[in-house]
Amino acid sequence: MRELPPSEILLSADQIQKRVAELALAIREDFPDDLHVIAVLKGAFIFLSDLIRHMPGHVSLDFMAVSSYAKGTTSSGEVRMLKDLDTALDGRNVVIVEDIVDTGLTLTYLQEILRRRNPRSLRTACLLSKPSRRQVDVRVEYIGFSIEDRFVVGYGLDYAEQYRNLPYIAVITP
């Protein structure tokens, strides 16, 4: 696979950190104690890490892995579960932590699965939202940034497993 260098920085590391801190406080206001967060791997792991560091008090966490992209740049529309949760959700306040909400298909799939596990509440936080790409109406209570329909990398987001380590969000043109 040939290297595709980022062509433009869309969100700086400072912009991201400021917004992540604001989101953490908003989530904590809604759930001052009993909070269980679920990161969707791989893309959301950096967002989750920074998010929970800004939350006072106890926070439990777990991870899920799903795939709808394979190695391309557009969603295949077919969602596959690669890793399920290690803990039960019965009666817990749960926040799904997503890197990006694009078509909404993956998130809808996850929300349906997790609702069946009887959490007390289920909400979603995403770092990036692309509303112009939505194929389904999906609820996201905490949104970091709404962005145009551009392919972005960095801060956990990748292109063929590259660029996750960038501290900012950049645009690439495949």
Protein backbone atom coordinates (compact mmCIF):
# COMPACT_ATOMS: atom_id res chain seq x y z
CA MET A 1 0.00 0.00 0.00
CA ARG A 2 1.47 3.35 -0.95
CA GLU A 3 1.91 6.10 1.61
CA LEU A 4 -0.74 8.84 1.56
CA PRO A 5 0.57 11.80 3.51
CA PRO A 6 -1.96 14.01 5.33
CA SER A 7 -2.73 17.05 3.19
CA GLU A 8 -4.13 19.35 5.88
CA ILE A 9 -4.57 19.52 9.64
CA LEU A 10 -8.30 19.78 10.32
CA LEU A 11 -8.23 19.86 14.16
CA SER A 12 -5.13 20.64 16.20
CA ALA A 13 -4.07 18.65 19.24
CA ASP A 14 -4.98 21.64 21.44
CA GLN A 15 -8.47 21.94 19.93
CA ILE A 16 -9.06 18.24 20.48
CA GLN A 17 -7.84 18.25 24.09
CA LYS A 18 -9.98 21.27 25.00
CA ARG A 19 -13.11 19.69 23.52
CA VAL A 20 -12.44 16.26 25.06
CA ALA A 21 -12.21 17.91 28.51
CA GLU A 22 -15.55 19.66 27.90
CA LEU A 23 -17.20 16.40 26.82
CA ALA A 24 -15.85 14.59 29.89
CA LEU A 25 -17.36 17.20 32.19
CA ALA A 26 -20.72 17.09 30.36
CA ILE A 27 -20.85 13.31 30.67
CA ARG A 28 -19.86 13.46 34.33
CA GLU A 29 -22.59 16.04 35.03
CA ASP A 30 -25.14 13.59 33.64
CA PHE A 31 -23.59 10.64 35.49
CA PRO A 32 -21.85 11.89 38.66
CA ASP A 33 -21.09 8.36 39.87
CA ASP A 34 -21.95 4.91 38.44
CA LEU A 35 -20.54 5.23 34.91
CA HIS A 36 -19.40 2.45 32.59
CA VAL A 37 -17.79 3.47 29.29
CA ILE A 38 -17.33 1.21 26.30
CA ALA A 39 -14.72 2.09 23.69
CA VAL A 40 -15.17 0.86 20.17
CA LEU A 41 -11.80 -0.45 19.02
CA LYS A 42 -9.51 0.36 17.48
CA GLY A 43 -10.27 3.96 16.61
CA ALA A 44 -11.71 5.18 19.92
CA PHE A 45 -8.94 4.04 22.27
CA ILE A 46 -7.08 7.36 22.35
CA PHE A 47 -10.31 9.36 22.72
CA LEU A 48 -11.40 7.06 25.57
CA SER A 49 -8.05 7.38 27.30
CA ASP A 50 -8.10 11.18 27.26
CA LEU A 51 -11.82 11.33 28.05
CA ILE A 52 -11.65 9.28 31.25
CA ARG A 53 -8.54 11.14 32.48
CA HIS A 54 -10.71 14.27 32.57
CA MET A 55 -13.43 12.56 34.65
CA PRO A 56 -13.25 12.75 38.43
CA GLY A 57 -14.33 9.75 40.46
CA HIS A 58 -14.69 6.11 39.52
CA VAL A 59 -15.25 5.06 35.92
CA SER A 60 -15.31 1.45 34.76
CA LEU A 61 -14.58 0.55 31.17
CA ASP A 62 -14.72 -2.17 28.60
CA PHE A 63 -13.98 -2.61 24.91
CA MET A 64 -15.79 -3.87 21.81
CA ALA A 65 -14.41 -4.33 18.34
CA VAL A 66 -16.51 -4.17 15.22
CA SER A 67 -15.65 -3.74 11.59
CA SER A 68 -17.44 -2.20 8.65
CA TYR A 69 -14.48 -0.82 6.70
CA ALA A 70 -12.07 -3.72 6.06
CA LYS A 71 -9.03 -1.91 4.63
CA GLY A 72 -10.86 0.67 2.52
CA THR A 73 -11.97 4.23 3.09
CA THR A 74 -15.72 3.77 2.85
CA SER A 75 -18.04 1.71 5.00
CA SER A 76 -19.02 -1.65 3.52
CA GLY A 77 -22.41 -1.33 5.23
CA GLU A 78 -21.94 -4.80 6.75
CA VAL A 79 -21.01 -4.74 10.43
CA ARG A 80 -19.11 -7.63 12.00
CA MET A 81 -18.50 -8.13 15.74
CA LEU A 82 -14.82 -8.90 16.31
CA LYS A 83 -14.69 -8.59 20.13
CA ASP A 84 -17.56 -8.56 22.60
CA LEU A 85 -17.68 -7.10 26.12
CA ASP A 86 -16.11 -8.77 29.14
CA THR A 87 -18.68 -7.43 31.64
CA ALA A 88 -22.47 -7.36 32.04
CA LEU A 89 -24.44 -4.12 31.56
CA ASP A 90 -27.56 -4.88 33.65
CA GLY A 91 -28.66 -1.74 35.51
CA ARG A 92 -25.57 0.29 34.60
CA ASN A 93 -25.23 3.77 33.13
CA VAL A 94 -23.38 3.11 29.88
CA VAL A 95 -21.73 5.50 27.43
CA ILE A 96 -20.49 4.15 24.11
CA VAL A 97 -17.31 5.97 23.05
CA GLU A 98 -16.87 6.12 19.27
CA ASP A 99 -14.16 7.79 17.23
CA ILE A 100 -16.39 8.82 14.34
CA VAL A 101 -20.05 8.47 13.36
CA ASP A 102 -20.35 8.36 9.60
CA THR A 103 -23.29 6.46 8.06
CA GLY A 104 -24.64 5.59 11.51
CA LEU A 105 -24.98 1.90 10.57
CA THR A 106 -22.25 0.63 12.92
CA LEU A 107 -23.46 2.71 15.83
CA THR A 108 -27.09 1.66 15.29
CA TYR A 109 -25.96 -1.97 15.34
CA LEU A 110 -24.02 -1.44 18.58
CA GLN A 111 -26.82 0.46 20.28
CA GLU A 112 -29.32 -2.30 19.44
CA ILE A 113 -27.03 -5.01 20.81
CA LEU A 114 -26.25 -3.10 24.00
CA ARG A 115 -29.89 -2.07 24.68
CA ARG A 116 -30.80 -5.77 24.80
CA ARG A 117 -28.36 -6.15 27.70
CA ASN A 118 -30.57 -3.99 29.97
CA PRO A 119 -28.43 -1.02 30.92
CA ARG A 120 -30.09 1.60 33.15
CA SER A 121 -29.21 4.17 30.49
CA LEU A 122 -27.35 4.07 27.17
CA ARG A 123 -25.80 7.13 25.57
CA THR A 124 -23.13 7.73 22.96
CA ALA A 125 -20.14 10.04 22.76
CA CYS A 126 -18.23 10.50 19.52
CA LEU A 127 -15.22 12.62 18.77
CA LEU A 128 -16.26 13.28 15.16
CA SER A 129 -19.61 13.29 13.42
CA LYS A 130 -20.24 13.44 9.67
CA PRO A 131 -23.97 14.27 9.50
CA SER A 132 -23.95 14.56 5.70
CA ARG A 133 -23.08 10.85 5.44
CA ARG A 134 -25.91 9.51 7.64
CA GLN A 135 -27.90 6.65 6.19
CA VAL A 136 -29.88 6.06 9.38
CA ASP A 137 -31.10 8.41 12.09
CA VAL A 138 -28.92 7.53 15.06
CA ARG A 139 -28.85 9.31 18.40
CA VAL A 140 -25.51 10.72 19.62
CA GLU A 141 -25.75 12.73 22.84
CA TYR A 142 -22.15 13.96 23.09
CA ILE A 143 -20.42 15.17 19.91
CA GLY A 144 -16.89 16.53 19.86
CA PHE A 145 -16.86 18.03 16.38
CA SER A 146 -19.13 17.89 13.33
CA ILE A 147 -17.04 17.75 10.17
CA GLU A 148 -17.53 17.74 6.41
CA ASP A 149 -17.39 14.52 4.43
CA ARG A 150 -13.62 14.17 4.19
CA PHE A 151 -11.42 11.18 4.99
CA VAL A 152 -9.60 11.92 8.22
CA VAL A 153 -6.83 10.24 10.20
CA GLY A 154 -5.03 10.76 13.48
CA TYR A 155 -5.94 10.62 17.17
CA GLY A 156 -6.81 6.93 16.80
CA LEU A 157 -8.31 7.11 13.30
CA ASP A 158 -6.40 5.29 10.60
CA TYR A 159 -5.96 4.62 6.95
CA ALA A 160 -4.92 0.96 6.52
CA GLU A 161 -3.57 0.96 10.11
CA GLN A 162 -1.45 4.08 9.51
CA TYR A 163 -1.62 7.50 11.25
CA ARG A 164 -3.42 6.46 14.47
CA ASN A 165 -0.53 7.97 16.44
CA LEU A 166 -0.94 11.53 15.16
CA PRO A 167 -1.95 13.90 18.02
CA TYR A 168 -4.22 15.87 15.65
CA ILE A 169 -6.90 15.12 13.04
CA ALA A 170 -5.70 15.45 9.44
CA VAL A 171 -7.25 15.03 6.01
CA ILE A 172 -5.89 12.56 3.51
CA THR A 173 -6.97 12.10 -0.08
CA PRO A 174 -6.91 8.42 -1.02
